[in-house]
């Protein structure tokens, strides 16, 4: 899953981005999520390779 920060914790994004708190999903800042959602339609398959 790709998601923004937890509700009410957007202000912590600069700190939280340095920790793995997502249990396997990908977290981006809420501002980045707004941009992401403007570029990608809901339901679009996403292939993430590491």
N, C-alpha and C. Protein backbone atom coordinates (compact mmCIF):
# COMPACT_ATOMS: atom_id res chain seq x y z
N UNK A 1 0.84 -1.17 0.00
CA UNK A 1 0.00 0.00 0.00
C UNK A 1 0.89 1.24 0.00
N UNK A 2 0.47 2.24 -0.69
CA UNK A 2 1.12 3.56 -0.65
C UNK A 2 0.17 4.49 0.08
N UNK A 3 0.67 5.19 1.09
CA UNK A 3 -0.20 6.07 1.86
C UNK A 3 0.59 7.25 2.41
N UNK A 4 -0.16 8.24 2.89
CA UNK A 4 0.44 9.40 3.55
C UNK A 4 0.67 9.11 5.02
N UNK A 5 0.90 10.14 5.79
CA UNK A 5 1.15 10.00 7.22
C UNK A 5 -0.17 9.72 7.95
N UNK A 6 -0.07 9.17 9.13
CA UNK A 6 -1.26 8.89 9.94
C UNK A 6 -2.01 10.19 10.22
N UNK A 7 -3.33 10.09 10.30
CA UNK A 7 -4.15 11.27 10.58
C UNK A 7 -3.66 11.98 11.84
N UNK A 8 -3.47 13.28 11.72
CA UNK A 8 -3.02 14.08 12.85
C UNK A 8 -1.52 14.09 13.07
N UNK A 9 -0.78 13.29 12.28
CA UNK A 9 0.67 13.21 12.47
C UNK A 9 1.45 13.73 11.26
N UNK A 10 0.79 14.46 10.37
CA UNK A 10 1.47 15.00 9.19
C UNK A 10 2.64 15.89 9.55
N UNK A 11 2.52 16.58 10.67
CA UNK A 11 3.59 17.49 11.09
C UNK A 11 4.86 16.72 11.49
N UNK A 12 4.74 15.41 11.76
CA UNK A 12 5.89 14.59 12.12
C UNK A 12 6.58 13.97 10.91
N UNK A 13 6.09 14.23 9.72
CA UNK A 13 6.62 13.60 8.52
C UNK A 13 8.14 13.72 8.39
N UNK A 14 8.74 14.89 8.66
CA UNK A 14 10.21 14.97 8.52
C UNK A 14 10.95 13.98 9.42
N UNK A 15 10.38 13.65 10.57
CA UNK A 15 11.00 12.69 11.48
C UNK A 15 10.64 11.26 11.11
N UNK A 16 9.35 11.01 10.86
CA UNK A 16 8.88 9.65 10.59
C UNK A 16 9.47 9.05 9.32
N UNK A 17 9.87 9.90 8.37
CA UNK A 17 10.44 9.39 7.13
C UNK A 17 11.79 8.69 7.35
N UNK A 18 12.36 8.85 8.53
CA UNK A 18 13.65 8.21 8.84
C UNK A 18 13.48 6.87 9.55
N UNK A 19 12.23 6.44 9.78
CA UNK A 19 11.97 5.18 10.48
C UNK A 19 11.05 4.30 9.66
N UNK A 20 11.19 3.00 9.83
CA UNK A 20 10.32 2.04 9.15
C UNK A 20 9.15 1.70 10.08
N UNK A 21 8.09 2.47 10.02
CA UNK A 21 6.92 2.28 10.88
C UNK A 21 5.72 1.75 10.10
N UNK A 22 5.92 1.41 8.84
CA UNK A 22 4.79 1.08 7.98
C UNK A 22 4.46 -0.40 7.88
N UNK A 23 5.30 -1.27 8.41
CA UNK A 23 5.07 -2.71 8.36
C UNK A 23 4.91 -3.20 6.92
N UNK A 24 5.76 -2.72 6.03
CA UNK A 24 5.78 -3.23 4.67
C UNK A 24 5.14 -2.36 3.61
N UNK A 25 4.39 -1.36 3.98
CA UNK A 25 3.82 -0.47 2.96
C UNK A 25 4.77 0.71 2.74
N UNK A 26 4.40 1.59 1.84
CA UNK A 26 5.23 2.75 1.53
C UNK A 26 4.52 4.00 1.99
N UNK A 27 5.16 4.75 2.87
CA UNK A 27 4.58 5.99 3.38
C UNK A 27 5.34 7.17 2.79
N UNK A 28 4.59 8.13 2.31
CA UNK A 28 5.16 9.38 1.82
C UNK A 28 4.49 10.51 2.59
N UNK A 29 5.03 11.70 2.49
CA UNK A 29 4.41 12.81 3.22
C UNK A 29 3.03 13.07 2.65
N UNK A 30 2.19 13.74 3.42
CA UNK A 30 0.84 14.04 2.94
C UNK A 30 0.89 14.93 1.70
N UNK A 31 1.84 15.87 1.65
CA UNK A 31 1.98 16.72 0.46
C UNK A 31 2.36 15.87 -0.75
N UNK A 32 3.27 14.90 -0.56
CA UNK A 32 3.64 14.01 -1.65
C UNK A 32 2.46 13.13 -2.06
N UNK A 33 1.63 12.75 -1.09
CA UNK A 33 0.45 11.94 -1.39
C UNK A 33 -0.54 12.72 -2.23
N UNK A 34 -0.71 14.01 -1.94
CA UNK A 34 -1.58 14.85 -2.76
C UNK A 34 -1.10 14.88 -4.20
N UNK A 35 0.21 15.04 -4.39
CA UNK A 35 0.78 15.06 -5.74
C UNK A 35 0.61 13.69 -6.40
N UNK A 36 0.90 12.63 -5.66
CA UNK A 36 0.77 11.26 -6.16
C UNK A 36 -0.66 11.00 -6.66
N UNK A 37 -1.65 11.39 -5.86
CA UNK A 37 -3.04 11.16 -6.23
C UNK A 37 -3.47 11.99 -7.44
N UNK A 38 -2.80 13.11 -7.69
CA UNK A 38 -3.12 13.91 -8.87
C UNK A 38 -2.53 13.28 -10.14
N UNK A 39 -1.57 12.37 -9.97
CA UNK A 39 -0.90 11.76 -11.11
C UNK A 39 -1.36 10.33 -11.40
N UNK A 40 -1.87 9.64 -10.38
CA UNK A 40 -2.21 8.22 -10.50
C UNK A 40 -3.67 8.01 -10.08
N UNK A 41 -4.43 7.36 -10.93
CA UNK A 41 -5.84 7.09 -10.62
C UNK A 41 -5.95 5.97 -9.59
N UNK A 42 -6.92 6.06 -8.66
CA UNK A 42 -7.13 4.97 -7.72
C UNK A 42 -7.35 3.65 -8.46
N UNK A 43 -6.76 2.59 -7.95
CA UNK A 43 -6.88 1.27 -8.56
C UNK A 43 -5.81 0.95 -9.59
N UNK A 44 -4.96 1.92 -9.90
CA UNK A 44 -3.88 1.68 -10.85
C UNK A 44 -2.88 0.70 -10.26
N UNK A 45 -2.57 -0.40 -10.96
CA UNK A 45 -1.55 -1.33 -10.44
C UNK A 45 -0.19 -0.63 -10.36
N UNK A 46 0.51 -0.87 -9.28
CA UNK A 46 1.83 -0.28 -9.08
C UNK A 46 2.82 -1.40 -8.84
N UNK A 47 3.89 -1.44 -9.62
CA UNK A 47 4.93 -2.45 -9.48
C UNK A 47 6.14 -1.77 -8.82
N UNK A 48 6.42 -2.12 -7.59
CA UNK A 48 7.54 -1.53 -6.86
C UNK A 48 8.63 -2.58 -6.76
N UNK A 49 9.80 -2.24 -7.24
CA UNK A 49 10.93 -3.17 -7.21
C UNK A 49 12.04 -2.59 -6.36
N UNK A 50 12.63 -3.43 -5.58
CA UNK A 50 13.71 -2.99 -4.71
C UNK A 50 14.98 -3.61 -5.15
